[in-house]
Every structure is written in C-alpha cells, then in structure tokens.
Amino acid sequence: MKSPYPALSRSKNSFENKLRELHAVSNELTRAESVDDLCRQVVELGNSRLGFDRMSLWFVDKNPNLMNGSFGIDEMGKLRYEKGRQVAMDNDLILKQIKESNMRSIFKKSEPMRDHKGEIIGKGSLVIAAVWNNEEVVGYIFTDNLLKKKPITKYGRELLELYASTFGHLYQAAKMKLGGEVAGGIAHEVKNSLGIVLQGVEYLSKRLGSADKDISFVLDNAKVAVEKANKIMKSLVDHSRISHLELTAQDLSSVIDSSLSLVKHQIDNNKIDIVKNYAPGLPPINLDKHKIEQVFINIFLNAVYSMADGGTLTLKTYSAIDNGGLAVFCEIEDTGVGIPEDAIGKIFHPFFTTRGSSGGSGMGLSVVRNLVNIHGGSVKIENRKDRKGARVTLIFPGS
C-alpha cells in the first residue's frame, strides 16, 4: 500500500528514526496527568524532541470564526500558557484549504510572523496541521520557522501531520477519561439510590399483592423503569473504568477467536455461519486482551441482533500502512438489516440505540470506540454497498 507520507518514506533511515522518536514521545504523552498537561507536553516535546521551531496549539470554538488558545512557544523560545485567549480564524476556510491540498495540513511559504501580542515581527513559513478526534477537526497545531530560520520541508510537514494525528487520539482519550471519572462518580451515587427505590417497589408489590390491578400495573411499570435506569447507571460506571490498561503483546486473530468462543451460544442459537479470512503472520500488537474482547463481544452481539433469521458473519484480518506506520486491521461484516441512514452519525453517542424498548442502554458502541481509542486505534462502522448488512473496521497501531 502506498504511504500517505511519501517524503518521509523516501528517506528510510530518517523515516525510521523519526518514527521511533515519535513513538517515544507518544508514550510520554500517554502519561500526562490531565488534559492541560497533555496540551502543554505536546507543545514542549514537539519543540524539544521532534525539532519543530515555534509551535502553538489552538482549539476550535463553538463559533467557527474563533480559536481558543492552549499552549505555545513565543518569539523568545519560551513556553506560554495561552488558555483564555481567543483569536479570529475562519475554521471553514482552513478546512477547505486542507482538503484542496490533498494532505492533512496547509503550508504557507511567506506569511507574516506575529509575537504573543499579535504584532507582526517578520515573515516566514507556516504549517497548520489539523487535529481530529475521529469525527471532526477539534483544533490545529501551528509551527513556523521564526526562531531557527530553517526552511520547512515536506518531510517536516508530514511529520507534523503524524504528530497532530497522534495528539488527536490522545486528546480524545484524555477527555473521555476525565468525563468518565465525573460521570462514574455521579452514576455510582444514582445507582445506590435506584437500588433503594427498587427495594421499595418490590416491598410494596409483595405487601399489596394483586388485589388491586391498577396498583399492580403501576408497580410493575415502576419496577421495569427503575431496572432500565439501573442498567444505564451500571453502563456509565463501567464506562468510567475503561482508561486503565494492562498491555501485553497479542495476536489479534487469537483475541478474535477467544471473543467468539464467549458468544458461541448466541451465534449457534441464531444459526449464524462464521467465515474467517485471517492473514498469516500478523505482527503482534500491544493490547489489554480483556478490554479488546469486550470490544469484539459488543460488535458480535450487535451483528447477531441484526441477523434475527440467521446469516453470515465474516471476519478478516490483515496488516497495512496507516498514518505512516504499520497497523493491524480487522473487518467484521454481517448480512443483517444494516444501520438506518439517519442513525449512522449517532451510533457512537452514549445512550443512542436502534433497538427501542427491547434493547440495551445504548452504551455498547460508545464503549467500543473509547476502548479502541485508548489503545491508539480507530473504529469505523458503515453499511455494506455490495449487499445487505454492516461492516465494522478496527485499526490498531503495530507494536
């Protein structure tokens, strides 16, 4: 497969050295203690370890014509805390320019250079690389050549794109971890209260019996509602615990097979045939086996649900270059009813479900995406174009 980073690939030694350094920096970034700490380190390490000149990190505001500051290297080469600062920026125009460039960044050869006050202090080259959270652009990393006066090469531009892509995954995982901790604490308290309510409903049901059909009907409905709310709270508590990983080198095909064995009963009961197309000799990848089994179980059970009258589940694994590095892919295809077109953009949202009152809490695919993200991977779900059914593609970075 052709590399999306040709300039890096042409120089094999430099490519491998920079990838090693990027991998080492990425490992350091995973140890950031907070979202702010992650943002600070991505600027500091990009400057000191990856050799970028002046750098700054900006996030897209709700108003698409504004950017919110984070951290940056100023005209003196010093780190500046820029949170709370806003600048005017046409986000739609930047995205359009990125798409037209056929790359993941914009390069401007001669651009006014500004100091931390916004005043023009010279001219130089500038690169703007988009930061994605798997769904949309959430910010940009800017770098210029004000301090060292060295030309920004295509090699440097591609490295910045890789760095921005890595940061995007880590930023999303850090935000989910923070949100999960808060949600988990709230959910735990609510879950305790729901337990008390459920005990009260069960007590009244036993005490009043079925003498009054209206009262019995109301109590039965109350019990169903409380149990459903309790299920959602349990999902939230589980959702808040996904950030801790116990990584070991794993063969992805073996993890898929062990996950299949855990849902064998459901697969057999629904008369579903399994087709395996595993590539031999896949490179091992660093995974938390139990968490990735949870990912596959969720996906398999969704497929089973969509094939109520039986069908075929096809599993394919292979390796390829993704974002400039070797990655391991898994494609899971079913022959079920597919996903409603109006639901495609919502399937990863917490609490969204296509199963109505018969389904679960709607946390399954949200958990799947977050578990894959904290492994540095990505997940894509789409309807198959060749026939009825859905396709899930999982991508994990190679070790």
Protein backbone atom coordinates (compact mmCIF):
# COMPACT_ATOMS: atom_id res chain seq x y z
CA MET A 1 0.00 0.00 0.00
CA LYS A 2 1.29 3.43 -0.91
CA SER A 3 2.41 5.51 2.08
CA PRO A 4 0.39 8.69 2.73
CA TYR A 5 3.71 10.31 3.72
CA PRO A 6 5.96 9.98 0.63
CA ALA A 7 8.62 12.47 1.73
CA LEU A 8 9.19 10.61 5.00
CA SER A 9 9.20 7.24 3.24
CA ARG A 10 11.83 8.22 0.66
CA SER A 11 14.47 8.56 3.36
CA LYS A 12 14.26 5.19 5.08
CA ASN A 13 16.76 5.89 7.89
CA SER A 14 15.32 9.31 8.71
CA PHE A 15 11.82 7.86 8.49
CA GLU A 16 12.59 5.06 10.93
CA ASN A 17 14.48 7.35 13.33
CA LYS A 18 11.70 9.94 13.39
CA LEU A 19 9.04 7.24 13.84
CA ARG A 20 10.99 5.85 16.79
CA GLU A 21 11.22 9.31 18.32
CA LEU A 22 7.53 9.97 17.62
CA HIS A 23 6.69 6.64 19.26
CA ALA A 24 8.80 7.53 22.32
CA VAL A 25 7.17 10.98 22.55
CA SER A 26 3.71 9.41 22.19
CA ASN A 27 4.47 7.08 25.10
CA GLU A 28 5.44 10.07 27.22
CA LEU A 29 2.24 11.86 26.26
CA THR A 30 0.14 8.90 27.43
CA ARG A 31 1.41 9.56 30.97
CA ALA A 32 0.03 13.10 31.05
CA GLU A 33 -1.89 13.69 34.28
CA SER A 34 -4.63 15.89 32.81
CA VAL A 35 -5.91 17.36 29.54
CA ASP A 36 -3.98 20.59 30.25
CA ASP A 37 -0.81 18.62 30.99
CA LEU A 38 -1.23 16.74 27.70
CA CYS A 39 -1.61 20.02 25.77
CA ARG A 40 1.45 21.51 27.45
CA GLN A 41 3.57 18.44 26.73
CA VAL A 42 2.55 18.18 23.08
CA VAL A 43 3.98 21.67 22.50
CA GLU A 44 7.07 21.22 24.69
CA LEU A 45 8.04 17.79 23.30
CA GLY A 46 7.24 18.77 19.73
CA ASN A 47 9.72 21.61 20.09
CA SER A 48 12.44 19.88 22.13
CA ARG A 49 12.28 16.28 20.86
CA LEU A 50 10.85 16.39 17.34
CA GLY A 51 12.67 19.56 16.29
CA PHE A 52 9.74 21.79 15.40
CA ASP A 53 10.51 25.51 15.67
CA ARG A 54 7.92 27.81 17.21
CA MET A 55 4.73 25.85 17.94
CA SER A 56 1.26 26.59 19.24
CA LEU A 57 -1.89 24.58 19.90
CA TRP A 58 -5.34 26.06 19.27
CA PHE A 59 -8.83 24.60 19.62
CA VAL A 60 -11.92 25.33 17.52
CA ASP A 61 -14.51 27.42 19.36
CA LYS A 62 -18.30 26.88 19.12
CA ASN A 63 -18.14 29.99 16.97
CA PRO A 64 -16.38 28.71 13.81
CA ASN A 65 -14.72 32.11 13.34
CA LEU A 66 -12.79 31.86 16.63
CA MET A 67 -9.93 29.78 18.01
CA ASN A 68 -9.21 29.20 21.70
CA GLY A 69 -5.63 29.24 22.92
CA SER A 70 -3.87 26.48 24.84
CA PHE A 71 -0.03 26.49 24.93
CA GLY A 72 2.59 27.88 22.58
CA ILE A 73 6.26 28.75 22.12
CA ASP A 74 6.67 32.53 21.91
CA GLU A 75 9.13 34.71 19.94
CA MET A 76 11.72 34.27 22.72
CA GLY A 77 11.52 30.47 22.55
CA LYS A 78 9.68 30.28 25.89
CA LEU A 79 6.55 28.26 26.65
CA ARG A 80 3.44 30.41 27.11
CA TYR A 81 0.11 29.48 28.71
CA GLU A 82 -2.48 30.87 26.30
CA LYS A 83 -5.67 29.45 27.75
CA GLY A 84 -8.41 32.07 27.82
CA ARG A 85 -7.02 33.83 24.75
CA GLN A 86 -9.11 33.92 21.57
CA VAL A 87 -8.14 34.86 18.04
CA ALA A 88 -10.24 35.35 14.91
CA MET A 89 -9.80 32.43 12.49
CA ASP A 90 -12.00 31.15 9.68
CA ASN A 91 -12.17 27.44 10.51
CA ASP A 92 -14.28 26.60 7.44
CA LEU A 93 -11.69 28.24 5.15
CA ILE A 94 -8.82 26.32 6.78
CA LEU A 95 -10.68 23.02 6.35
CA LYS A 96 -11.37 23.83 2.71
CA GLN A 97 -7.69 24.61 2.11
CA ILE A 98 -6.64 21.36 3.81
CA LYS A 99 -8.99 19.32 1.59
CA GLU A 100 -7.74 21.10 -1.53
CA SER A 101 -4.09 20.43 -0.58
CA ASN A 102 -4.64 16.63 -0.69
CA MET A 103 -2.75 16.46 2.60
CA ARG A 104 -3.66 16.91 6.25
CA SER A 105 -2.11 20.33 6.61
CA ILE A 106 -1.64 23.70 4.94
CA PHE A 107 1.78 25.09 4.00
CA LYS A 108 2.31 28.83 3.57
CA LYS A 109 5.75 29.77 2.27
CA SER A 110 5.69 33.50 3.08
CA GLU A 111 3.43 34.52 5.92
CA PRO A 112 3.54 37.42 8.43
CA MET A 113 5.03 36.21 11.74
CA ARG A 114 3.42 37.59 14.91
CA ASP A 115 4.53 37.82 18.52
CA HIS A 116 2.43 36.78 21.51
CA LYS A 117 0.67 40.16 21.41
CA GLY A 118 -0.37 39.65 17.80
CA GLU A 119 2.03 42.22 16.38
CA ILE A 120 3.88 41.46 13.12
CA ILE A 121 7.61 40.91 13.73
CA GLY A 122 8.73 39.42 10.41
CA LYS A 123 7.95 36.95 7.65
CA GLY A 124 8.46 33.22 7.37
CA SER A 125 6.98 29.82 6.53
CA LEU A 126 4.00 28.35 8.37
CA VAL A 127 2.35 24.91 8.58
CA ILE A 128 -1.10 24.32 10.06
CA ALA A 129 -1.92 20.65 10.82
CA ALA A 130 -5.47 19.59 11.73
CA VAL A 131 -6.18 17.75 14.99
CA TRP A 132 -9.02 15.22 14.55
CA ASN A 133 -11.00 13.37 17.23
CA ASN A 134 -12.06 10.62 14.76
CA GLU A 135 -15.19 12.56 13.77
CA GLU A 136 -14.27 16.20 13.22
CA VAL A 137 -11.46 18.73 13.48
CA VAL A 138 -11.21 19.95 17.09
CA GLY A 139 -8.11 22.10 16.73
CA TYR A 140 -4.83 22.83 14.95
CA ILE A 141 -1.12 22.67 15.63
CA PHE A 142 0.75 25.63 14.13
CA THR A 143 4.50 25.69 13.55
CA ASP A 144 6.68 28.26 11.79
CA ASN A 145 10.41 28.93 11.27
CA LEU A 146 10.71 32.26 13.10
CA LEU A 147 13.37 31.16 15.59
CA LYS A 148 15.74 28.92 13.61
CA LYS A 149 15.09 30.43 10.16
CA LYS A 150 15.37 26.98 8.59
CA PRO A 151 13.10 26.12 5.63
CA ILE A 152 10.12 23.89 6.48
CA THR A 153 10.49 20.83 4.26
CA LYS A 154 7.77 18.49 3.06
CA TYR A 155 9.40 15.96 5.37
CA GLY A 156 8.79 18.25 8.35
CA ARG A 157 5.23 18.91 7.24
CA GLU A 158 4.42 15.21 7.07
CA LEU A 159 5.96 14.63 10.49
CA LEU A 160 3.75 17.37 11.93
CA GLU A 161 0.68 15.72 10.37
CA LEU A 162 1.61 12.44 12.05
CA TYR A 163 2.15 14.25 15.35
CA ALA A 164 -1.21 16.05 15.12
CA SER A 165 -2.95 12.73 14.34
CA THR A 166 -1.33 11.08 17.37
CA PHE A 167 -2.28 14.00 19.61
CA GLY A 168 -5.89 13.86 18.35
CA HIS A 169 -6.28 10.26 19.57
CA LEU A 170 -4.66 11.01 22.92
CA TYR A 171 -6.68 14.21 23.42
CA GLN A 172 -9.95 12.37 22.82
CA ALA A 173 -8.95 9.59 25.23
CA ALA A 174 -7.93 12.13 27.90
CA LYS A 175 -11.25 13.94 27.59
CA MET A 176 -13.18 10.70 27.82
CA LYS A 177 -11.19 9.69 30.88
CA LEU A 178 -11.99 12.99 32.59
CA GLY A 179 -15.65 12.80 31.61
CA GLY A 180 -15.79 9.16 32.65
CA GLU A 181 -14.43 9.90 36.12
CA VAL A 182 -17.08 12.57 36.69
CA ALA A 183 -19.88 10.50 35.17
CA GLY A 184 -18.77 7.43 37.09
CA GLY A 185 -18.97 9.24 40.42
CA ILE A 186 -22.45 10.59 39.67
CA ALA A 187 -23.66 7.25 38.29
CA HIS A 188 -22.43 5.39 41.39
CA GLU A 189 -24.47 7.67 43.67
CA VAL A 190 -27.58 7.47 41.48
CA LYS A 191 -27.22 3.68 41.21
CA ASN A 192 -27.25 3.39 45.01
CA SER A 193 -30.42 5.50 45.20
CA LEU A 194 -32.09 3.43 42.48
CA GLY A 195 -31.36 0.30 44.50
CA ILE A 196 -33.30 1.73 47.42
CA VAL A 197 -36.22 2.71 45.15
CA LEU A 198 -36.28 -0.80 43.65
CA GLN A 199 -36.37 -2.37 47.10
CA GLY A 200 -39.33 -0.13 47.96
CA VAL A 201 -41.23 -1.11 44.80
CA GLU A 202 -40.63 -4.82 45.43
CA TYR A 203 -41.74 -4.45 49.06
CA LEU A 204 -45.00 -2.73 48.01
CA SER A 205 -45.63 -5.37 45.34
CA LYS A 206 -45.38 -8.15 47.92
CA ARG A 207 -47.36 -6.25 50.55
CA LEU A 208 -50.25 -5.21 48.31
CA GLY A 209 -50.23 -8.30 46.15
CA SER A 210 -52.51 -8.36 43.13
CA ALA A 211 -55.71 -7.29 44.90
CA ASP A 212 -55.83 -4.01 43.01
CA LYS A 213 -54.98 -4.48 39.32
CA ASP A 214 -54.33 -0.75 38.77
CA ILE A 215 -51.84 -0.57 41.65
CA SER A 216 -50.19 -3.79 40.48
CA PHE A 217 -49.88 -2.39 36.93
CA VAL A 218 -48.30 0.86 38.20
CA LEU A 219 -45.82 -1.01 40.43
CA ASP A 220 -44.82 -3.36 37.59
CA ASN A 221 -44.17 -0.37 35.29
CA ALA A 222 -42.21 1.37 38.04
CA LYS A 223 -40.05 -1.74 38.53
CA VAL A 224 -39.30 -2.00 34.78
CA ALA A 225 -38.40 1.71 34.62
CA VAL A 226 -36.11 1.53 37.67
CA GLU A 227 -34.37 -1.60 36.35
CA LYS A 228 -33.77 0.11 32.99
CA ALA A 229 -32.38 3.22 34.71
CA ASN A 230 -30.21 0.98 36.89
CA LYS A 231 -28.86 -0.73 33.76
CA ILE A 232 -27.92 2.65 32.28
CA MET A 233 -26.17 3.69 35.51
CA LYS A 234 -24.24 0.40 35.56
CA SER A 235 -23.13 1.07 31.99
CA LEU A 236 -21.97 4.54 33.00
CA VAL A 237 -19.97 3.14 35.92
CA ASP A 238 -18.37 0.56 33.59
CA HIS A 239 -17.77 3.30 31.01
CA SER A 240 -15.84 5.33 33.60
CA ARG A 241 -13.42 2.47 34.31
CA ILE A 242 -12.07 1.91 30.78
CA SER A 243 -8.96 4.10 30.96
CA HIS A 244 -6.66 1.69 32.87
CA LEU A 245 -4.87 -0.70 30.52
CA GLU A 246 -2.84 -3.85 31.16
CA LEU A 247 -0.97 -4.13 27.86
CA THR A 248 0.65 -7.30 26.57
CA ALA A 249 1.76 -8.36 23.08
CA GLN A 250 -1.17 -10.17 21.46
CA ASP A 251 -2.02 -11.86 18.17
CA LEU A 252 -5.24 -10.13 17.07
CA SER A 253 -6.63 -13.22 15.35
CA SER A 254 -6.31 -15.20 18.60
CA VAL A 255 -8.11 -12.44 20.53
CA ILE A 256 -10.94 -12.55 17.96
CA ASP A 257 -11.25 -16.34 18.36
CA SER A 258 -11.33 -16.14 22.16
CA SER A 259 -14.05 -13.46 21.90
CA LEU A 260 -16.07 -15.65 19.52
CA SER A 261 -15.99 -18.53 22.00
CA LEU A 262 -17.61 -16.28 24.62
CA VAL A 263 -20.67 -15.63 22.40
CA LYS A 264 -20.84 -19.11 20.80
CA HIS A 265 -24.22 -19.83 22.40
CA GLN A 266 -25.86 -16.73 20.85
CA ILE A 267 -24.23 -17.40 17.46
CA ASP A 268 -25.38 -21.04 17.38
CA ASN A 269 -28.90 -20.20 18.56
CA ASN A 270 -29.31 -17.66 15.74
CA LYS A 271 -27.97 -20.08 13.09
CA ILE A 272 -25.11 -17.78 12.07
CA ASP A 273 -22.24 -19.10 9.96
CA ILE A 274 -18.71 -17.84 10.67
CA VAL A 275 -16.26 -17.20 7.82
CA LYS A 276 -12.64 -16.45 8.77
CA ASN A 277 -10.11 -14.81 6.46
CA TYR A 278 -7.15 -14.28 8.78
CA ALA A 279 -3.85 -13.10 7.29
CA PRO A 280 -0.96 -15.34 8.41
CA GLY A 281 1.99 -13.91 10.31
CA LEU A 282 0.36 -10.73 11.59
CA PRO A 283 2.69 -8.61 13.75
CA PRO A 284 1.81 -8.73 17.47
CA ILE A 285 0.14 -5.62 18.88
CA ASN A 286 0.05 -4.25 22.42
CA LEU A 287 -3.47 -4.76 23.78
CA ASP A 288 -5.37 -5.14 27.00
CA LYS A 289 -6.80 -8.52 26.00
CA HIS A 290 -9.88 -8.42 28.24
CA LYS A 291 -10.87 -4.93 27.10
CA ILE A 292 -10.48 -5.76 23.41
CA GLU A 293 -12.50 -8.94 23.97
CA GLN A 294 -15.21 -6.62 25.31
CA VAL A 295 -14.94 -4.65 22.04
CA PHE A 296 -15.43 -7.75 19.89
CA ILE A 297 -18.22 -9.15 22.06
CA ASN A 298 -20.18 -5.90 21.69
CA ILE A 299 -19.71 -5.92 17.91
CA PHE A 300 -20.57 -9.63 17.58
CA LEU A 301 -23.75 -9.29 19.66
CA ASN A 302 -24.87 -6.30 17.58
CA ALA A 303 -24.35 -8.41 14.46
CA VAL A 304 -26.29 -11.33 15.99
CA TYR A 305 -29.17 -8.99 16.86
CA SER A 306 -29.28 -7.70 13.26
CA MET A 307 -29.43 -11.26 11.83
CA ALA A 308 -32.55 -12.50 13.62
CA ASP A 309 -33.27 -15.05 10.87
CA GLY A 310 -29.69 -16.29 10.58
CA GLY A 311 -26.88 -15.16 8.31
CA THR A 312 -23.12 -15.00 7.87
CA LEU A 313 -20.50 -13.22 9.98
CA THR A 314 -17.26 -12.71 8.04
CA LEU A 315 -14.02 -11.88 9.89
CA LYS A 316 -10.95 -10.61 8.05
CA THR A 317 -7.56 -9.53 9.41
CA TYR A 318 -4.57 -8.02 7.60
CA SER A 319 -1.75 -5.52 8.08
CA ALA A 320 -1.14 -2.33 6.10
CA ILE A 321 0.39 1.14 6.38
CA ASP A 322 -1.86 3.62 8.18
CA ASN A 323 -0.87 7.18 9.13
CA GLY A 324 2.72 6.44 8.09
CA GLY A 325 3.15 3.36 10.31
CA LEU A 326 2.33 -0.34 10.23
CA ALA A 327 -1.14 -1.15 11.55
CA VAL A 328 -3.26 -4.27 12.00
CA PHE A 329 -6.79 -4.20 10.61
CA CYS A 330 -9.87 -6.27 11.41
CA GLU A 331 -13.01 -6.12 9.24
CA ILE A 332 -16.25 -7.63 10.56
CA GLU A 333 -19.13 -7.99 8.09
CA ASP A 334 -22.64 -9.26 8.73
CA THR A 335 -25.61 -9.98 6.45
CA GLY A 336 -28.17 -8.36 8.74
CA VAL A 337 -30.58 -5.48 8.28
CA GLY A 338 -27.87 -2.81 8.27
CA ILE A 339 -27.99 0.57 10.01
CA PRO A 340 -30.68 3.17 9.25
CA GLU A 341 -29.09 6.03 7.32
CA ASP A 342 -30.37 8.61 9.82
CA ALA A 343 -28.64 6.67 12.63
CA ILE A 344 -25.16 6.29 11.10
CA GLY A 345 -23.89 9.58 12.55
CA LYS A 346 -25.27 8.83 16.02
CA ILE A 347 -24.27 5.23 16.67
CA PHE A 348 -21.25 6.14 18.84
CA HIS A 349 -23.21 8.58 21.00
CA PRO A 350 -23.77 7.41 24.59
CA PHE A 351 -27.37 6.17 25.20
CA PHE A 352 -28.22 6.04 21.48
CA THR A 353 -29.77 2.72 20.43
CA THR A 354 -31.68 1.47 17.40
CA ARG A 355 -33.34 -1.29 19.42
CA GLY A 356 -36.05 0.80 21.07
CA SER A 357 -37.53 -0.50 24.32
CA SER A 358 -36.26 -4.04 23.63
CA GLY A 359 -32.62 -3.05 23.55
CA GLY A 360 -29.83 -2.19 25.95
CA SER A 361 -28.63 1.06 27.40
CA GLY A 362 -27.05 2.31 24.17
CA MET A 363 -23.59 2.43 25.77
CA GLY A 364 -22.15 -0.54 23.81
CA LEU A 365 -20.71 1.20 20.74
CA SER A 366 -19.70 4.27 22.76
CA VAL A 367 -17.62 1.97 24.97
CA VAL A 368 -16.26 0.17 21.87
CA ARG A 369 -14.98 3.40 20.35
CA ASN A 370 -13.43 4.62 23.60
CA LEU A 371 -11.71 1.30 24.29
CA VAL A 372 -10.24 1.28 20.79
CA ASN A 373 -9.22 4.96 21.08
CA ILE A 374 -7.27 4.49 24.31
CA HIS A 375 -5.30 1.77 22.50
CA GLY A 376 -4.35 4.42 19.91
CA GLY A 377 -6.63 2.82 17.33
CA SER A 378 -9.78 3.77 15.46
CA VAL A 379 -13.12 2.21 14.53
CA LYS A 380 -15.41 2.80 11.55
CA ILE A 381 -18.92 1.44 11.03
CA GLU A 382 -20.76 1.62 7.72
CA ASN A 383 -23.40 -0.16 5.68
CA ARG A 384 -22.09 -2.53 3.04
CA LYS A 385 -22.55 -1.30 -0.51
CA ASP A 386 -22.33 -4.68 -2.24
CA ARG A 387 -25.14 -6.33 -0.28
CA LYS A 388 -27.32 -6.02 2.81
CA GLY A 389 -25.56 -5.75 6.16
CA ALA A 390 -22.97 -3.68 8.02
CA ARG A 391 -19.19 -3.56 8.14
CA VAL A 392 -17.06 -2.66 11.16
CA THR A 393 -13.38 -1.82 10.59
CA LEU A 394 -10.99 -1.75 13.55
CA ILE A 395 -7.45 -0.38 13.16
CA PHE A 396 -4.72 -0.93 15.78
CA PRO A 397 -1.20 0.52 15.57
CA GLY A 398 1.57 -2.05 15.28
CA SER A 399 3.92 -2.57 18.25
